[in-house]
Amino acid sequence: AILCAWTLAAGRPVRLSWLWLPVLFILNALFAFLVSIGIASL
């Protein structure tokens, strides 16, 4: 949310590509989880 607000404050318009943000959010969270369970087990 802060990143999006700063982007707008910098004068950059909202892009249609912002719709991909939730997808990237989920992919990053899923990757973090799968790495975490392996490291936690070891």
PDB file of all heavy atoms in Angstrom:
ATOM      1  N   ALA A   1       0.831  -1.207   0.000  1.00  0.00           N
ATOM      2  CA  ALA A   1       0.000   0.000   0.000  1.00  0.00           C
ATOM      3  C   ALA A   1       0.864   1.256   0.000  1.00  0.00           C
ATOM      4  O   ALA A   1       0.588   2.220  -0.730  1.00  0.00           O
ATOM      5  CB  ALA A   1      -0.928  -0.014   1.217  1.00  0.00           C
ATOM      6  N   ILE A   2       1.931   1.256   0.815  1.00  0.00           N
ATOM      7  CA  ILE A   2       2.849   2.402   0.833  1.00  0.00           C
ATOM      8  C   ILE A   2       3.541   2.555  -0.513  1.00  0.00           C
ATOM      9  O   ILE A   2       3.720   3.675  -1.025  1.00  0.00           O
ATOM     10  CB  ILE A   2       3.880   2.218   1.962  1.00  0.00           C
ATOM     11  CG1 ILE A   2       3.205   2.368   3.319  1.00  0.00           C
ATOM     12  CG2 ILE A   2       5.014   3.227   1.827  1.00  0.00           C
ATOM     13  CD1 ILE A   2       4.142   2.182   4.488  1.00  0.00           C
ATOM     14  N   LEU A   3       3.926   1.439  -1.104  1.00  0.00           N
ATOM     15  CA  LEU A   3       4.592   1.473  -2.407  1.00  0.00           C
ATOM     16  C   LEU A   3       3.680   2.075  -3.477  1.00  0.00           C
ATOM     17  O   LEU A   3       4.117   2.921  -4.275  1.00  0.00           O
ATOM     18  CB  LEU A   3       5.019   0.065  -2.792  1.00  0.00           C
ATOM     19  CG  LEU A   3       5.735  -0.112  -4.135  1.00  0.00           C
ATOM     20  CD1 LEU A   3       6.974   0.765  -4.198  1.00  0.00           C
ATOM     21  CD2 LEU A   3       6.113  -1.579  -4.335  1.00  0.00           C
ATOM     22  N   CYS A   4       2.426   1.669  -3.479  1.00  0.00           N
ATOM     23  CA  CYS A   4       1.474   2.224  -4.453  1.00  0.00           C
ATOM     24  C   CYS A   4       1.244   3.717  -4.210  1.00  0.00           C
ATOM     25  O   CYS A   4       1.175   4.517  -5.163  1.00  0.00           O
ATOM     26  CB  CYS A   4       0.149   1.467  -4.380  1.00  0.00           C
ATOM     27  SG  CYS A   4       0.228  -0.246  -4.953  1.00  0.00           S
ATOM     28  N   ALA A   5       1.136   4.107  -2.936  1.00  0.00           N
ATOM     29  CA  ALA A   5       0.918   5.521  -2.608  1.00  0.00           C
ATOM     30  C   ALA A   5       2.109   6.366  -3.036  1.00  0.00           C
ATOM     31  O   ALA A   5       1.947   7.475  -3.569  1.00  0.00           O
ATOM     32  CB  ALA A   5       0.661   5.664  -1.109  1.00  0.00           C
ATOM     33  N   TRP A   6       3.325   5.859  -2.810  1.00  0.00           N
ATOM     34  CA  TRP A   6       4.521   6.604  -3.206  1.00  0.00           C
ATOM     35  C   TRP A   6       4.598   6.716  -4.732  1.00  0.00           C
ATOM     36  O   TRP A   6       5.007   7.741  -5.273  1.00  0.00           O
ATOM     37  CB  TRP A   6       5.761   5.914  -2.655  1.00  0.00           C
ATOM     38  CG  TRP A   6       7.011   6.734  -2.754  1.00  0.00           C
ATOM     39  CD1 TRP A   6       7.213   7.856  -3.515  1.00  0.00           C
ATOM     40  CD2 TRP A   6       8.246   6.503  -2.075  1.00  0.00           C
ATOM     41  NE1 TRP A   6       8.477   8.328  -3.346  1.00  0.00           N
ATOM     42  CE2 TRP A   6       9.149   7.526  -2.472  1.00  0.00           C
ATOM     43  CE3 TRP A   6       8.677   5.539  -1.176  1.00  0.00           C
ATOM     44  CZ2 TRP A   6      10.450   7.603  -2.001  1.00  0.00           C
ATOM     45  CZ3 TRP A   6       9.977   5.615  -0.698  1.00  0.00           C
ATOM     46  CH2 TRP A   6      10.848   6.633  -1.104  1.00  0.00           C
ATOM     47  N   THR A   7       4.204   5.659  -5.426  1.00  0.00           N
ATOM     48  CA  THR A   7       4.208   5.689  -6.894  1.00  0.00           C
ATOM     49  C   THR A   7       3.286   6.788  -7.406  1.00  0.00           C
ATOM     50  O   THR A   7       3.638   7.533  -8.333  1.00  0.00           O
ATOM     51  CB  THR A   7       3.769   4.326  -7.447  1.00  0.00           C
ATOM     52  OG1 THR A   7       4.646   3.302  -6.952  1.00  0.00           O
ATOM     53  CG2 THR A   7       3.811   4.323  -8.961  1.00  0.00           C
ATOM     54  N   LEU A   8       2.103   6.900  -6.815  1.00  0.00           N
ATOM     55  CA  LEU A   8       1.168   7.951  -7.214  1.00  0.00           C
ATOM     56  C   LEU A   8       1.703   9.331  -6.842  1.00  0.00           C
ATOM     57  O   LEU A   8       1.561  10.292  -7.612  1.00  0.00           O
ATOM     58  CB  LEU A   8      -0.190   7.716  -6.555  1.00  0.00           C
ATOM     59  CG  LEU A   8      -0.950   6.462  -7.001  1.00  0.00           C
ATOM     60  CD1 LEU A   8      -2.214   6.282  -6.177  1.00  0.00           C
ATOM     61  CD2 LEU A   8      -1.291   6.539  -8.483  1.00  0.00           C
ATOM     62  N   ALA A   9       2.317   9.430  -5.652  1.00  0.00           N
ATOM     63  CA  ALA A   9       2.863  10.717  -5.217  1.00  0.00           C
ATOM     64  C   ALA A   9       4.010  11.168  -6.113  1.00  0.00           C
ATOM     65  O   ALA A   9       4.266  12.382  -6.240  1.00  0.00           O
ATOM     66  CB  ALA A   9       3.331  10.624  -3.768  1.00  0.00           C
ATOM     67  N   ALA A  10       4.707  10.213  -6.730  1.00  0.00           N
ATOM     68  CA  ALA A  10       5.804  10.554  -7.628  1.00  0.00           C
ATOM     69  C   ALA A  10       5.314  11.005  -8.992  1.00  0.00           C
ATOM     70  O   ALA A  10       6.129  11.318  -9.873  1.00  0.00           O
ATOM     71  CB  ALA A  10       6.739   9.359  -7.787  1.00  0.00           C
ATOM     72  N   GLY A  11       3.996  11.045  -9.173  1.00  0.00           N
ATOM     73  CA  GLY A  11       3.422  11.532 -10.424  1.00  0.00           C
ATOM     74  C   GLY A  11       3.226  10.474 -11.486  1.00  0.00           C
ATOM     75  O   GLY A  11       2.925  10.806 -12.637  1.00  0.00           O
ATOM     76  N   ARG A  12       3.360   9.220 -11.122  1.00  0.00           N
ATOM     77  CA  ARG A  12       3.164   8.145 -12.088  1.00  0.00           C
ATOM     78  C   ARG A  12       1.716   7.680 -12.019  1.00  0.00           C
ATOM     79  O   ARG A  12       1.180   7.444 -10.929  1.00  0.00           O
ATOM     80  CB  ARG A  12       4.119   6.988 -11.815  1.00  0.00           C
ATOM     81  CG  ARG A  12       5.580   7.421 -11.773  1.00  0.00           C
ATOM     82  CD  ARG A  12       6.506   6.239 -11.776  1.00  0.00           C
ATOM     83  NE  ARG A  12       6.483   5.542 -13.056  1.00  0.00           N
ATOM     84  CZ  ARG A  12       7.189   5.911 -14.118  1.00  0.00           C
ATOM     85  NH1 ARG A  12       7.960   6.991 -14.066  1.00  0.00           N
ATOM     86  NH2 ARG A  12       7.128   5.228 -15.241  1.00  0.00           N
ATOM     87  N   PRO A  13       1.056   7.512 -13.149  1.00  0.00           N
ATOM     88  CA  PRO A  13      -0.371   7.172 -13.138  1.00  0.00           C
ATOM     89  C   PRO A  13      -0.618   5.710 -12.780  1.00  0.00           C
ATOM     90  O   PRO A  13       0.293   4.873 -12.835  1.00  0.00           O
ATOM     91  CB  PRO A  13      -0.794   7.454 -14.586  1.00  0.00           C
ATOM     92  CG  PRO A  13       0.450   7.207 -15.387  1.00  0.00           C
ATOM     93  CD  PRO A  13       1.592   7.660 -14.517  1.00  0.00           C
ATOM     94  N   VAL A  14      -1.848   5.426 -12.417  1.00  0.00           N
ATOM     95  CA  VAL A  14      -2.255   4.042 -12.183  1.00  0.00           C
ATOM     96  C   VAL A  14      -2.235   3.299 -13.514  1.00  0.00           C
ATOM     97  O   VAL A  14      -2.783   3.770 -14.507  1.00  0.00           O
ATOM     98  CB  VAL A  14      -3.658   3.977 -11.555  1.00  0.00           C
ATOM     99  CG1 VAL A  14      -4.121   2.529 -11.410  1.00  0.00           C
ATOM    100  CG2 VAL A  14      -3.669   4.683 -10.204  1.00  0.00           C
ATOM    101  N   ARG A  15      -1.590   2.172 -13.526  1.00  0.00           N
ATOM    102  CA  ARG A  15      -1.470   1.371 -14.739  1.00  0.00           C
ATOM    103  C   ARG A  15      -2.385   0.160 -14.660  1.00  0.00           C
ATOM    104  O   ARG A  15      -2.663  -0.362 -13.579  1.00  0.00           O
ATOM    105  CB  ARG A  15      -0.020   0.908 -14.929  1.00  0.00           C
ATOM    106  CG  ARG A  15       0.975   2.030 -15.086  1.00  0.00           C
ATOM    107  CD  ARG A  15       2.402   1.578 -14.798  1.00  0.00           C
ATOM    108  NE  ARG A  15       2.758   0.376 -15.535  1.00  0.00           N
ATOM    109  CZ  ARG A  15       3.295   0.364 -16.740  1.00  0.00           C
ATOM    110  NH1 ARG A  15       3.535   1.535 -17.352  1.00  0.00           N
ATOM    111  NH2 ARG A  15       3.601  -0.758 -17.345  1.00  0.00           N
ATOM    112  N   LEU A  16      -2.848  -0.294 -15.826  1.00  0.00           N
ATOM    113  CA  LEU A  16      -3.675  -1.497 -15.874  1.00  0.00           C
ATOM    114  C   LEU A  16      -2.910  -2.707 -15.350  1.00  0.00           C
ATOM    115  O   LEU A  16      -3.503  -3.641 -14.803  1.00  0.00           O
ATOM    116  CB  LEU A  16      -4.134  -1.746 -17.314  1.00  0.00           C
ATOM    117  CG  LEU A  16      -5.171  -2.855 -17.528  1.00  0.00           C
ATOM    118  CD1 LEU A  16      -6.462  -2.531 -16.776  1.00  0.00           C
ATOM    119  CD2 LEU A  16      -5.460  -3.053 -19.012  1.00  0.00           C
ATOM    120  N   SER A  17      -1.601  -2.662 -15.478  1.00  0.00           N
ATOM    121  CA  SER A  17      -0.774  -3.775 -15.016  1.00  0.00           C
ATOM    122  C   SER A  17      -0.815  -3.935 -13.494  1.00  0.00           C
ATOM    123  O   SER A  17      -0.403  -4.972 -12.976  1.00  0.00           O
ATOM    124  CB  SER A  17       0.677  -3.575 -15.467  1.00  0.00           C
ATOM    125  OG  SER A  17       1.207  -2.366 -14.952  1.00  0.00           O
ATOM    126  N   TRP A  18      -1.316  -2.924 -12.779  1.00  0.00           N
ATOM    127  CA  TRP A  18      -1.422  -3.037 -11.320  1.00  0.00           C
ATOM    128  C   TRP A  18      -2.338  -4.186 -10.912  1.00  0.00           C
ATOM    129  O   TRP A  18      -2.273  -4.664  -9.775  1.00  0.00           O
ATOM    130  CB  TRP A  18      -1.937  -1.734 -10.725  1.00  0.00           C
ATOM    131  CG  TRP A  18      -0.915  -0.638 -10.675  1.00  0.00           C
ATOM    132  CD1 TRP A  18       0.168  -0.492 -11.504  1.00  0.00           C
ATOM    133  CD2 TRP A  18      -0.875   0.466  -9.768  1.00  0.00           C
ATOM    134  NE1 TRP A  18       0.860   0.639 -11.180  1.00  0.00           N
ATOM    135  CE2 TRP A  18       0.254   1.255 -10.115  1.00  0.00           C
ATOM    136  CE3 TRP A  18      -1.685   0.875  -8.723  1.00  0.00           C
ATOM    137  CZ2 TRP A  18       0.586   2.419  -9.432  1.00  0.00           C
ATOM    138  CZ3 TRP A  18      -1.354   2.041  -8.046  1.00  0.00           C
ATOM    139  CH2 TRP A  18      -0.229   2.800  -8.388  1.00  0.00           C
ATOM    140  N   LEU A  19      -3.180  -4.630 -11.817  1.00  0.00           N
ATOM    141  CA  LEU A  19      -4.064  -5.757 -11.520  1.00  0.00           C
ATOM    142  C   LEU A  19      -3.274  -7.040 -11.270  1.00  0.00           C
ATOM    143  O   LEU A  19      -3.810  -7.993 -10.695  1.00  0.00           O
ATOM    144  CB  LEU A  19      -5.044  -5.972 -12.674  1.00  0.00           C
ATOM    145  CG  LEU A  19      -6.057  -4.841 -12.928  1.00  0.00           C
ATOM    146  CD1 LEU A  19      -6.898  -5.139 -14.168  1.00  0.00           C
ATOM    147  CD2 LEU A  19      -6.964  -4.659 -11.711  1.00  0.00           C
ATOM    148  N   TRP A  20      -2.018  -7.066 -11.691  1.00  0.00           N
ATOM    149  CA  TRP A  20      -1.178  -8.236 -11.450  1.00  0.00           C
ATOM    150  C   TRP A  20      -0.583  -8.248 -10.040  1.00  0.00           C
ATOM    151  O   TRP A  20       0.004  -9.261  -9.629  1.00  0.00           O
ATOM    152  CB  TRP A  20      -0.023  -8.275 -12.471  1.00  0.00           C
ATOM    153  CG  TRP A  20      -0.450  -8.740 -13.819  1.00  0.00           C
ATOM    154  CD1 TRP A  20      -0.761  -7.977 -14.902  1.00  0.00           C
ATOM    155  CD2 TRP A  20      -0.615 -10.100 -14.240  1.00  0.00           C
ATOM    156  NE1 TRP A  20      -1.108  -8.757 -15.975  1.00  0.00           N
ATOM    157  CE2 TRP A  20      -1.026 -10.069 -15.589  1.00  0.00           C
ATOM    158  CE3 TRP A  20      -0.452 -11.339 -13.610  1.00  0.00           C
ATOM    159  CZ2 TRP A  20      -1.272 -11.231 -16.315  1.00  0.00           C
ATOM    160  CZ3 TRP A  20      -0.699 -12.498 -14.326  1.00  0.00           C
ATOM    161  CH2 TRP A  20      -1.103 -12.432 -15.659  1.00  0.00           C
ATOM    162  N   LEU A  21      -0.713  -7.149  -9.304  1.00  0.00           N
ATOM    163  CA  LEU A  21      -0.129  -7.086  -7.969  1.00  0.00           C
ATOM    164  C   LEU A  21      -0.639  -8.188  -7.034  1.00  0.00           C
ATOM    165  O   LEU A  21       0.160  -8.810  -6.322  1.00  0.00           O
ATOM    166  CB  LEU A  21      -0.370  -5.710  -7.344  1.00  0.00           C
ATOM    167  CG  LEU A  21       0.578  -4.595  -7.787  1.00  0.00           C
ATOM    168  CD1 LEU A  21       0.175  -3.272  -7.158  1.00  0.00           C
ATOM    169  CD2 LEU A  21       2.015  -4.937  -7.428  1.00  0.00           C
ATOM    170  N   PRO A  22      -1.964  -8.453  -6.972  1.00  0.00           N
ATOM    171  CA  PRO A  22      -2.419  -9.546  -6.105  1.00  0.00           C
ATOM    172  C   PRO A  22      -1.817 -10.902  -6.489  1.00  0.00           C
ATOM    173  O   PRO A  22      -1.536 -11.727  -5.611  1.00  0.00           O
ATOM    174  CB  PRO A  22      -3.942  -9.542  -6.290  1.00  0.00           C
ATOM    175  CG  PRO A  22      -4.271  -8.155  -6.731  1.00  0.00           C
ATOM    176  CD  PRO A  22      -3.097  -7.723  -7.564  1.00  0.00           C
ATOM    177  N   VAL A  23      -1.610 -11.122  -7.788  1.00  0.00           N
ATOM    178  CA  VAL A  23      -1.017 -12.382  -8.239  1.00  0.00           C
ATOM    179  C   VAL A  23       0.423 -12.488  -7.742  1.00  0.00           C
ATOM    180  O   VAL A  23       0.850 -13.531  -7.217  1.00  0.00           O
ATOM    181  CB  VAL A  23      -1.070 -12.494  -9.774  1.00  0.00           C
ATOM    182  CG1 VAL A  23      -0.385 -13.780 -10.247  1.00  0.00           C
ATOM    183  CG2 VAL A  23      -2.513 -12.449 -10.260  1.00  0.00           C
ATOM    184  N   LEU A  24       1.184 -11.407  -7.891  1.00  0.00           N
ATOM    185  CA  LEU A  24       2.568 -11.404  -7.420  1.00  0.00           C
ATOM    186  C   LEU A  24       2.625 -11.536  -5.900  1.00  0.00           C
ATOM    187  O   LEU A  24       3.531 -12.184  -5.358  1.00  0.00           O
ATOM    188  CB  LEU A  24       3.261 -10.113  -7.866  1.00  0.00           C
ATOM    189  CG  LEU A  24       3.447  -9.937  -9.373  1.00  0.00           C
ATOM    190  CD1 LEU A  24       4.060  -8.575  -9.680  1.00  0.00           C
ATOM    191  CD2 LEU A  24       4.307 -11.054  -9.954  1.00  0.00           C
ATOM    192  N   PHE A  25       1.672 -10.924  -5.222  1.00  0.00           N
ATOM    193  CA  PHE A  25       1.584 -11.021  -3.763  1.00  0.00           C
ATOM    194  C   PHE A  25       1.427 -12.480  -3.344  1.00  0.00           C
ATOM    195  O   PHE A  25       2.146 -12.981  -2.469  1.00  0.00           O
ATOM    196  CB  PHE A  25       0.400 -10.191  -3.275  1.00  0.00           C
ATOM    197  CG  PHE A  25       0.259 -10.126  -1.778  1.00  0.00           C
ATOM    198  CD1 PHE A  25       0.733  -9.032  -1.076  1.00  0.00           C
ATOM    199  CD2 PHE A  25      -0.356 -11.147  -1.072  1.00  0.00           C
ATOM    200  CE1 PHE A  25       0.606  -8.966   0.312  1.00  0.00           C
ATOM    201  CE2 PHE A  25      -0.491 -11.098   0.307  1.00  0.00           C
ATOM    202  CZ  PHE A  25      -0.003 -10.001   0.998  1.00  0.00           C
ATOM    203  N   ILE A  26       0.497 -13.182  -3.976  1.00  0.00           N
ATOM    204  CA  ILE A  26       0.232 -14.582  -3.628  1.00  0.00           C
ATOM    205  C   ILE A  26       1.426 -15.463  -3.983  1.00  0.00           C
ATOM    206  O   ILE A  26       1.815 -16.353  -3.203  1.00  0.00           O
ATOM    207  CB  ILE A  26      -1.040 -15.076  -4.340  1.00  0.00           C
ATOM    208  CG1 ILE A  26      -2.266 -14.323  -3.800  1.00  0.00           C
ATOM    209  CG2 ILE A  26      -1.217 -16.578  -4.171  1.00  0.00           C
ATOM    210  CD1 ILE A  26      -3.545 -14.616  -4.550  1.00  0.00           C
ATOM    211  N   LEU A  27       2.032 -15.233  -5.143  1.00  0.00           N
ATOM    212  CA  LEU A  27       3.180 -16.044  -5.554  1.00  0.00           C
ATOM    213  C   LEU A  27       4.351 -15.863  -4.588  1.00  0.00           C
ATOM    214  O   LEU A  27       5.023 -16.840  -4.225  1.00  0.00           O
ATOM    215  CB  LEU A  27       3.602 -15.666  -6.976  1.00  0.00           C
ATOM    216  CG  LEU A  27       2.666 -16.089  -8.099  1.00  0.00           C
ATOM    217  CD1 LEU A  27       3.174 -15.565  -9.440  1.00  0.00           C
ATOM    218  CD2 LEU A  27       2.520 -17.606  -8.152  1.00  0.00           C
ATOM    219  N   ASN A  28       4.588 -14.619  -4.178  1.00  0.00           N
ATOM    220  CA  ASN A  28       5.680 -14.370  -3.234  1.00  0.00           C
ATOM    221  C   ASN A  28       5.400 -15.031  -1.884  1.00  0.00           C
ATOM    222  O   ASN A  28       6.290 -15.621  -1.268  1.00  0.00           O
ATOM    223  CB  ASN A  28       5.865 -12.862  -3.058  1.00  0.00           C
ATOM    224  CG  ASN A  28       7.230 -12.506  -2.499  1.00  0.00           C
ATOM    225  OD1 ASN A  28       8.126 -13.337  -2.428  1.00  0.00           O
ATOM    226  ND2 ASN A  28       7.398 -11.266  -2.089  1.00  0.00           N
ATOM    227  N   ALA A  29       4.146 -14.936  -1.419  1.00  0.00           N
ATOM    228  CA  ALA A  29       3.777 -15.550  -0.145  1.00  0.00           C
ATOM    229  C   ALA A  29       3.875 -17.069  -0.221  1.00  0.00           C
ATOM    230  O   ALA A  29       4.350 -17.727   0.720  1.00  0.00           O
ATOM    231  CB  ALA A  29       2.366 -15.119   0.257  1.00  0.00           C
ATOM    232  N   LEU A  30       3.420 -17.648  -1.323  1.00  0.00           N
ATOM    233  CA  LEU A  30       3.482 -19.102  -1.487  1.00  0.00           C
ATOM    234  C   LEU A  30       4.927 -19.585  -1.527  1.00  0.00           C
ATOM    235  O   LEU A  30       5.273 -20.601  -0.900  1.00  0.00           O
ATOM    236  CB  LEU A  30       2.751 -19.511  -2.765  1.00  0.00           C
ATOM    237  CG  LEU A  30       2.685 -21.011  -3.073  1.00  0.00           C
ATOM    238  CD1 LEU A  30       1.970 -21.760  -1.965  1.00  0.00           C
ATOM    239  CD2 LEU A  30       1.993 -21.253  -4.417  1.00  0.00           C
ATOM    240  N   PHE A  31       5.770 -18.863  -2.245  1.00  0.00           N
ATOM    241  CA  PHE A  31       7.174 -19.243  -2.311  1.00  0.00           C
ATOM    242  C   PHE A  31       7.824 -19.153  -0.933  1.00  0.00           C
ATOM    243  O   PHE A  31       8.586 -20.043  -0.526  1.00  0.00           O
ATOM    244  CB  PHE A  31       7.911 -18.348  -3.302  1.00  0.00           C
ATOM    245  CG  PHE A  31       9.393 -18.607  -3.377  1.00  0.00           C
ATOM    246  CD1 PHE A  31       9.869 -19.800  -3.897  1.00  0.00           C
ATOM    247  CD2 PHE A  31      10.295 -17.664  -2.922  1.00  0.00           C
ATOM    248  CE1 PHE A  31      11.236 -20.052  -3.959  1.00  0.00           C
ATOM    249  CE2 PHE A  31      11.653 -17.910  -2.979  1.00  0.00           C
ATOM    250  CZ  PHE A  31      12.126 -19.102  -3.507  1.00  0.00           C
ATOM    251  N   ALA A  32       7.527 -18.083  -0.190  1.00  0.00           N
ATOM    252  CA  ALA A  32       8.086 -17.925   1.154  1.00  0.00           C
ATOM    253  C   ALA A  32       7.651 -19.073   2.061  1.00  0.00           C
ATOM    254  O   ALA A  32       8.442 -19.589   2.859  1.00  0.00           O
ATOM    255  CB  ALA A  32       7.655 -16.585   1.748  1.00  0.00           C
ATOM    256  N   PHE A  33       6.397 -19.490   1.940  1.00  0.00           N
ATOM    257  CA  PHE A  33       5.889 -20.590   2.765  1.00  0.00           C
ATOM    258  C   PHE A  33       6.584 -21.901   2.441  1.00  0.00           C
ATOM    259  O   PHE A  33       7.021 -22.634   3.341  1.00  0.00           O
ATOM    260  CB  PHE A  33       4.384 -20.724   2.568  1.00  0.00           C
ATOM    261  CG  PHE A  33       3.803 -22.000   3.105  1.00  0.00           C
ATOM    262  CD1 PHE A  33       3.802 -22.252   4.466  1.00  0.00           C
ATOM    263  CD2 PHE A  33       3.274 -22.952   2.250  1.00  0.00           C
ATOM    264  CE1 PHE A  33       3.277 -23.442   4.971  1.00  0.00           C
ATOM    265  CE2 PHE A  33       2.752 -24.127   2.732  1.00  0.00           C
ATOM    266  CZ  PHE A  33       2.756 -24.375   4.101  1.00  0.00           C
ATOM    267  N   LEU A  34       6.726 -22.217   1.165  1.00  0.00           N
ATOM    268  CA  LEU A  34       7.315 -23.492   0.770  1.00  0.00           C
ATOM    269  C   LEU A  34       8.798 -23.556   1.122  1.00  0.00           C
ATOM    270  O   LEU A  34       9.317 -24.626   1.474  1.00  0.00           O
ATOM    271  CB  LEU A  34       7.109 -23.718  -0.726  1.00  0.00           C
ATOM    272  CG  LEU A  34       5.644 -23.863  -1.166  1.00  0.00           C
ATOM    273  CD1 LEU A  34       5.533 -24.024  -2.670  1.00  0.00           C
ATOM    274  CD2 LEU A  34       4.981 -25.029  -0.456  1.00  0.00           C
ATOM    275  N   VAL A  35       9.490 -22.427   1.036  1.00  0.00           N
ATOM    276  CA  VAL A  35      10.883 -22.393   1.463  1.00  0.00           C
ATOM    277  C   VAL A  35      10.968 -22.533   2.979  1.00  0.00           C
ATOM    278  O   VAL A  35      11.838 -23.230   3.515  1.00  0.00           O
ATOM    279  CB  VAL A  35      11.563 -21.095   0.984  1.00  0.00           C
ATOM    280  CG1 VAL A  35      12.941 -20.935   1.625  1.00  0.00           C
ATOM    281  CG2 VAL A  35      11.692 -21.094  -0.528  1.00  0.00           C
ATOM    282  N   SER A  36      10.048 -21.876   3.684  1.00  0.00           N
ATOM    283  CA  SER A  36      10.069 -21.881   5.153  1.00  0.00           C
ATOM    284  C   SER A  36       9.869 -23.275   5.725  1.00  0.00           C
ATOM    285  O   SER A  36      10.546 -23.658   6.691  1.00  0.00           O
ATOM    286  CB  SER A  36       9.004 -20.936   5.708  1.00  0.00           C
ATOM    287  OG  SER A  36       9.286 -19.597   5.370  1.00  0.00           O
ATOM    288  N   ILE A  37       8.935 -24.059   5.145  1.00  0.00           N
ATOM    289  CA  ILE A  37       8.679 -25.371   5.726  1.00  0.00           C
ATOM    290  C   ILE A  37       9.879 -26.300   5.552  1.00  0.00           C
ATOM    291  O   ILE A  37      10.158 -27.143   6.402  1.00  0.00           O
ATOM    292  CB  ILE A  37       7.408 -26.032   5.141  1.00  0.00           C
ATOM    293  CG1 ILE A  37       7.528 -26.228   3.627  1.00  0.00           C
ATOM    294  CG2 ILE A  37       6.177 -25.223   5.473  1.00  0.00           C
ATOM    295  CD1 ILE A  37       6.357 -26.994   3.032  1.00  0.00           C
ATOM    296  N   GLY A  38      10.619 -26.131   4.449  1.00  0.00           N
ATOM    297  CA  GLY A  38      11.813 -26.939   4.256  1.00  0.00           C
ATOM    298  C   GLY A  38      12.916 -26.560   5.231  1.00  0.00           C
ATOM    299  O   GLY A  38      13.534 -27.425   5.857  1.00  0.00           O
ATOM    300  N   ILE A  39      13.155 -25.250   5.373  1.00  0.00           N
ATOM    301  CA  ILE A  39      14.207 -24.794   6.288  1.00  0.00           C
ATOM    302  C   ILE A  39      13.830 -25.106   7.731  1.00  0.00           C
ATOM    303  O   ILE A  39      14.678 -25.515   8.537  1.00  0.00           O
ATOM    304  CB  ILE A  39      14.452 -23.290   6.096  1.00  0.00           C
ATOM    305  CG1 ILE A  39      14.982 -23.014   4.687  1.00  0.00           C
ATOM    306  CG2 ILE A  39      15.431 -22.768   7.136  1.00  0.00           C
ATOM    307  CD1 ILE A  39      15.197 -21.557   4.376  1.00  0.00           C
ATOM    308  N   ALA A  40      12.557 -24.911   8.084  1.00  0.00           N
ATOM    309  CA  ALA A  40      12.112 -25.192   9.454  1.00  0.00           C
ATOM    310  C   ALA A  40      12.283 -26.666   9.792  1.00  0.00           C
ATOM    311  O   ALA A  40      12.642 -27.020  10.928  1.00  0.00           O
ATOM    312  CB  ALA A  40      10.651 -24.782   9.625  1.00  0.00           C
ATOM    313  N   SER A  41      12.036 -27.538   8.835  1.00  0.00           N
ATOM    314  CA  SER A  41      12.202 -28.971   9.065  1.00  0.00           C
ATOM    315  C   SER A  41      13.675 -29.327   9.261  1.00  0.00           C
ATOM    316  O   SER A  41      14.027 -30.094  10.161  1.00  0.00           O
ATOM    317  CB  SER A  41      11.628 -29.766   7.886  1.00  0.00           C
ATOM    318  OG  SER A  41      10.255 -29.476   7.699  1.00  0.00           O
ATOM    319  N   LEU A  42      14.537 -28.764   8.422  1.00  0.00           N
ATOM    320  CA  LEU A  42      15.969 -29.026   8.567  1.00  0.00           C
ATOM    321  C   LEU A  42      16.519 -28.443   9.866  1.00  0.00           C
ATOM    322  O   LEU A  42      17.444 -29.000  10.470  1.00  0.00           O
ATOM    323  CB  LEU A  42      16.730 -28.441   7.376  1.00  0.00           C
ATOM    324  CG  LEU A  42      16.552 -29.154   6.034  1.00  0.00           C
ATOM    325  CD1 LEU A  42      17.247 -28.374   4.929  1.00  0.00           C
ATOM    326  CD2 LEU A  42      17.100 -30.580   6.100  1.00  0.00           C
TER     327      LEU A  42
END
